[in-house]
C-alpha atoms as a PDB file:
ATOM      1  CA  SER A   1     110.161 137.033 114.930  1.00  0.00           C
ATOM      2  CA  ILE A   2     107.108 136.694 112.778  1.00  0.00           C
ATOM      3  CA  SER A   3     107.170 140.406 111.927  1.00  0.00           C
ATOM      4  CA  PHE A   4     110.242 139.729 109.783  1.00  0.00           C
ATOM      5  CA  ALA A   5     108.503 136.786 108.112  1.00  0.00           C
ATOM      6  CA  SER A   6     105.210 138.616 107.547  1.00  0.00           C
ATOM      7  CA  PRO A   7     106.002 139.971 104.045  1.00  0.00           C
ATOM      8  CA  GLY A   8     106.907 136.456 102.889  1.00  0.00           C
ATOM      9  CA  ILE A   9     103.797 134.972 104.513  1.00  0.00           C
ATOM     10  CA  ALA A  10     101.576 137.633 102.919  1.00  0.00           C
ATOM     11  CA  SER A  11     102.976 137.034  99.439  1.00  0.00           C
ATOM     12  CA  GLU A  12     103.101 133.221  99.710  1.00  0.00           C
ATOM     13  CA  TRP A  13      99.550 132.892 101.031  1.00  0.00           C
ATOM     14  CA  GLY A  14      98.171 135.698  98.858  1.00  0.00           C
ATOM     15  CA  ILE A  15      96.691 137.797 101.664  1.00  0.00           C
ATOM     16  CA  ASP A  16      96.863 141.526 102.233  1.00  0.00           C
ATOM     17  CA  ARG A  17      98.883 143.090 105.036  1.00  0.00           C
ATOM     18  CA  ALA A  18      95.750 144.198 106.930  1.00  0.00           C
ATOM     19  CA  ALA A  19      94.575 140.606 107.331  1.00  0.00           C
ATOM     20  CA  LEU A  20      98.052 139.583 108.371  1.00  0.00           C
ATOM     21  CA  GLY A  21      98.081 142.406 110.934  1.00  0.00           C
ATOM     22  CA  ILE A  22      95.138 140.762 112.669  1.00  0.00           C
ATOM     23  CA  VAL A  23      97.003 137.451 112.763  1.00  0.00           C
ATOM     24  CA  LEU A  24     100.084 139.122 114.197  1.00  0.00           C
ATOM     25  CA  SER A  25      98.038 140.726 116.979  1.00  0.00           C
ATOM     26  CA  MET A  26      96.641 137.344 118.086  1.00  0.00           C
ATOM     27  CA  GLU A  27      99.749 136.675 120.158  1.00  0.00           C
ATOM     28  CA  LEU A  28      99.287 139.973 121.995  1.00  0.00           C
ATOM     29  CA  ILE A  29      95.687 139.044 122.775  1.00  0.00           C
ATOM     30  CA  GLY A  30      96.891 135.688 124.098  1.00  0.00           C
ATOM     31  CA  MET A  31      99.537 137.425 126.190  1.00  0.00           C
ATOM     32  CA  ALA A  32      96.931 139.702 127.765  1.00  0.00           C
ATOM     33  CA  PHE A  33      94.655 136.823 128.725  1.00  0.00           C
ATOM     34  CA  GLY A  34      97.587 134.647 129.789  1.00  0.00           C
ATOM     35  CA  SER A  35      98.978 137.269 132.115  1.00  0.00           C
ATOM     36  CA  ILE A  36      95.588 137.797 133.736  1.00  0.00           C
ATOM     37  CA  PHE A  37      94.327 134.233 134.039  1.00  0.00           C
ATOM     38  CA  LEU A  38      97.528 132.228 134.313  1.00  0.00           C
ATOM     39  CA  GLY A  39      99.012 134.798 136.675  1.00  0.00           C
ATOM     40  CA  ARG A  40      96.058 134.225 138.988  1.00  0.00           C
ATOM     41  CA  LEU A  41      96.451 130.482 138.548  1.00  0.00           C
ATOM     42  CA  ALA A  42     100.074 130.802 139.675  1.00  0.00           C
ATOM     43  CA  ASP A  43      98.838 132.442 142.876  1.00  0.00           C
ATOM     44  CA  ARG A  44      96.667 129.393 143.550  1.00  0.00           C
ATOM     45  CA  ILE A  45      98.752 126.400 142.475  1.00  0.00           C
ATOM     46  CA  GLY A  46     102.263 127.811 142.695  1.00  0.00           C
ATOM     47  CA  ARG A  47     104.783 129.520 140.453  1.00  0.00           C
ATOM     48  CA  ARG A  48     106.786 126.490 139.362  1.00  0.00           C
ATOM     49  CA  PRO A  49     103.903 124.378 138.007  1.00  0.00           C
ATOM     50  CA  THR A  50     102.505 127.420 136.225  1.00  0.00           C
ATOM     51  CA  ILE A  51     105.860 128.318 134.685  1.00  0.00           C
ATOM     52  CA  LEU A  52     106.369 124.745 133.494  1.00  0.00           C
ATOM     53  CA  GLY A  53     102.838 124.693 132.053  1.00  0.00           C
ATOM     54  CA  CYS A  54     103.499 127.979 130.263  1.00  0.00           C
ATOM     55  CA  ILE A  55     106.651 126.520 128.730  1.00  0.00           C
ATOM     56  CA  VAL A  56     104.591 123.601 127.413  1.00  0.00           C
ATOM     57  CA  LEU A  57     102.002 126.022 125.966  1.00  0.00           C
ATOM     58  CA  MET A  58     104.707 128.066 124.251  1.00  0.00           C
ATOM     59  CA  ILE A  59     106.429 124.991 122.801  1.00  0.00           C
ATOM     60  CA  ALA A  60     103.152 123.531 121.555  1.00  0.00           C
ATOM     61  CA  GLY A  61     102.021 126.814 120.033  1.00  0.00           C
ATOM     62  CA  MET A  62     105.339 127.471 118.288  1.00  0.00           C
ATOM     63  CA  PHE A  63     105.585 123.924 116.977  1.00  0.00           C
ATOM     64  CA  MET A  64     102.019 123.871 115.695  1.00  0.00           C
ATOM     65  CA  ALA A  65     102.456 127.293 114.063  1.00  0.00           C
ATOM     66  CA  SER A  66     105.071 125.694 111.831  1.00  0.00           C
ATOM     67  CA  THR A  67     102.510 123.179 110.537  1.00  0.00           C
ATOM     68  CA  VAL A  68      99.630 125.512 109.629  1.00  0.00           C
ATOM     69  CA  THR A  69      98.083 125.859 106.196  1.00  0.00           C
ATOM     70  CA  THR A  70      95.488 128.579 106.857  1.00  0.00           C
ATOM     71  CA  ILE A  71      95.383 131.981 108.497  1.00  0.00           C
ATOM     72  CA  ALA A  72      92.769 130.767 111.003  1.00  0.00           C
ATOM     73  CA  GLN A  73      95.057 127.964 112.171  1.00  0.00           C
ATOM     74  CA  LEU A  74      97.978 130.366 112.524  1.00  0.00           C
ATOM     75  CA  SER A  75      95.776 132.694 114.576  1.00  0.00           C
ATOM     76  CA  VAL A  76      94.769 129.904 116.961  1.00  0.00           C
ATOM     77  CA  TRP A  77      98.335 128.754 117.556  1.00  0.00           C
ATOM     78  CA  ARG A  78      99.555 132.307 118.013  1.00  0.00           C
ATOM     79  CA  VAL A  79      96.896 132.857 120.695  1.00  0.00           C
ATOM     80  CA  LEU A  80      98.069 129.674 122.450  1.00  0.00           C
ATOM     81  CA  THR A  81     101.698 130.790 122.268  1.00  0.00           C
ATOM     82  CA  GLY A  82     100.666 134.192 123.626  1.00  0.00           C
ATOM     83  CA  LEU A  83      98.844 132.554 126.535  1.00  0.00           C
ATOM     84  CA  GLY A  84     102.057 130.807 127.506  1.00  0.00           C
ATOM     85  CA  ILE A  85     104.151 133.957 127.145  1.00  0.00           C
ATOM     86  CA  GLY A  86     101.691 136.076 129.150  1.00  0.00           C
ATOM     87  CA  GLY A  87     101.443 133.523 131.931  1.00  0.00           C
ATOM     88  CA  MET A  88     105.218 133.167 131.989  1.00  0.00           C
ATOM     89  CA  LEU A  89     105.732 136.934 132.246  1.00  0.00           C
ATOM     90  CA  ALA A  90     103.276 137.298 135.119  1.00  0.00           C
ATOM     91  CA  SER A  91     104.627 134.279 136.987  1.00  0.00           C
ATOM     92  CA  ILE A  92     108.292 135.154 136.554  1.00  0.00           C
ATOM     93  CA  ASN A  93     107.743 138.752 137.673  1.00  0.00           C
ATOM     94  CA  ALA A  94     105.931 137.580 140.806  1.00  0.00           C
ATOM     95  CA  LEU A  95     108.595 134.952 141.484  1.00  0.00           C
ATOM     96  CA  VAL A  96     111.399 137.495 141.181  1.00  0.00           C
ATOM     97  CA  ALA A  97     109.577 139.959 143.443  1.00  0.00           C
ATOM     98  CA  GLU A  98     109.013 137.287 146.089  1.00  0.00           C
ATOM     99  CA  HIS A  99     112.612 136.112 145.881  1.00  0.00           C
ATOM    100  CA  ARG A 100     113.842 139.694 146.090  1.00  0.00           C
ATOM    101  CA  MET A 101     111.868 140.375 149.260  1.00  0.00           C
ATOM    102  CA  MET A 102     113.162 137.213 150.926  1.00  0.00           C
ATOM    103  CA  HIS A 103     116.765 138.127 150.206  1.00  0.00           C
ATOM    104  CA  ALA A 104     116.599 141.921 150.419  1.00  0.00           C
ATOM    105  CA  HIS A 105     119.262 142.280 153.094  1.00  0.00           C
ATOM    106  CA  MET A 106     121.699 139.990 151.321  1.00  0.00           C
ATOM    107  CA  HIS A 107     121.066 141.869 148.073  1.00  0.00           C
ATOM    108  CA  GLN A 108     121.809 145.196 149.724  1.00  0.00           C
ATOM    109  CA  GLN A 109     125.090 143.871 151.061  1.00  0.00           C
ATOM    110  CA  MET A 110     126.079 142.493 147.663  1.00  0.00           C
ATOM    111  CA  MET A 111     125.172 145.696 145.821  1.00  0.00           C
ATOM    112  CA  GLY A 112     126.887 147.818 148.439  1.00  0.00           C
ATOM    113  CA  GLY A 113     130.027 145.761 148.036  1.00  0.00           C
ATOM    114  CA  GLN A 114     129.911 145.868 144.254  1.00  0.00           C
ATOM    115  CA  MET A 115     128.876 149.465 143.774  1.00  0.00           C
ATOM    116  CA  GLY A 116     130.362 151.056 146.868  1.00  0.00           C
ATOM    117  CA  GLY A 117     133.682 149.306 146.670  1.00  0.00           C
ATOM    118  CA  MET A 118     134.409 149.632 142.968  1.00  0.00           C
ATOM    119  CA  PRO A 119     137.943 151.009 142.793  1.00  0.00           C
ATOM    120  CA  ALA A 120     138.851 153.850 140.475  1.00  0.00           C
ATOM    121  CA  MET A 121     142.486 154.838 140.851  1.00  0.00           C
ATOM    122  CA  GLY A 122     142.420 153.469 144.371  1.00  0.00           C
ATOM    123  CA  HIS A 123     139.266 155.287 145.517  1.00  0.00           C
ATOM    124  CA  PRO A 124     135.690 154.019 145.955  1.00  0.00           C
ATOM    125  CA  MET A 125     134.280 157.232 144.425  1.00  0.00           C
ATOM    126  CA  PRO A 126     132.223 155.820 141.488  1.00  0.00           C
ATOM    127  CA  GLY A 127     130.067 153.685 143.758  1.00  0.00           C
ATOM    128  CA  GLN A 128     129.767 156.166 146.601  1.00  0.00           C
ATOM    129  CA  PRO A 129     126.486 157.830 145.537  1.00  0.00           C
ATOM    130  CA  MET A 130     124.888 154.389 145.033  1.00  0.00           C
ATOM    131  CA  HIS A 131     126.153 153.222 148.424  1.00  0.00           C
ATOM    132  CA  ASP A 132     124.824 156.350 150.148  1.00  0.00           C
ATOM    133  CA  MET A 133     121.448 155.885 148.489  1.00  0.00           C
ATOM    134  CA  MET A 134     121.171 152.220 149.514  1.00  0.00           C
ATOM    135  CA  HIS A 135     122.593 152.673 153.021  1.00  0.00           C
ATOM    136  CA  PRO A 136     121.613 156.188 154.149  1.00  0.00           C
ATOM    137  CA  ASP A 137     122.190 155.492 157.860  1.00  0.00           C
ATOM    138  CA  SER A 138     125.477 153.627 157.540  1.00  0.00           C
ATOM    139  CA  GLY A 139     127.505 156.520 158.931  1.00  0.00           C
ATOM    140  CA  HIS A 140     129.940 156.124 156.071  1.00  0.00           C
ATOM    141  CA  ARG A 141     131.758 159.344 155.206  1.00  0.00           C
ATOM    142  CA  PRO A 142     133.454 160.041 151.897  1.00  0.00           C
ATOM    143  CA  MET A 143     137.187 160.401 151.778  1.00  0.00           C
ATOM    144  CA  PRO A 144     138.236 163.971 152.545  1.00  0.00           C
ATOM    145  CA  GLY A 145     139.234 166.090 149.591  1.00  0.00           C
ATOM    146  CA  MET A 146     137.433 163.903 147.044  1.00  0.00           C
ATOM    147  CA  ALA A 147     135.365 165.751 144.484  1.00  0.00           C
ATOM    148  CA  ARG A 148     132.198 163.841 143.767  1.00  0.00           C
ATOM    149  CA  PRO A 149     129.544 164.682 141.160  1.00  0.00           C
ATOM    150  CA  ASP A 150     126.835 164.845 143.822  1.00  0.00           C
ATOM    151  CA  SER A 151     128.839 166.835 146.407  1.00  0.00           C
ATOM    152  CA  ALA A 152     127.422 170.187 145.275  1.00  0.00           C
ATOM    153  CA  ALA A 153     123.863 168.973 145.840  1.00  0.00           C
ATOM    154  CA  ARG A 154     124.522 167.696 149.373  1.00  0.00           C
ATOM    155  CA  PRO A 155     123.811 169.952 152.325  1.00  0.00           C
ATOM    156  CA  LYS A 156     126.906 170.689 154.390  1.00  0.00           C
ATOM    157  CA  LYS A 157     126.843 169.238 157.897  1.00  0.00           C
END
């Protein structure tokens, strides 16, 4: 991370930390604009092309940042890198949300099997509260005589 390199950059280039603080914030500015504009672009042209384009922006920005000789150049390449990161974050989040909605039922079954069936001394108790939360109408009853952390909070039927 450049925050670890900033003291060395400030001393080598002979600039004060306030000026370097502006340079360090350039990536955040790029991320803000990238998430807004490239996220909208992903809605129009698709997630995959946008994600691949963002990877190219990040690679180009990081590579060119290693070749700079002035603070202005470093600022420009950090903005470009930030654009790629911001667009990538927006696109990946949307892609994951879309994928999650398409496979919601399968995900519930997998999580119910992992969390609800986790054995602890032969009993599924550790995953039971998670299973009940994810499948409230499953009709599943806990094993009789088991003390569960949430049993005091449950209304008696």
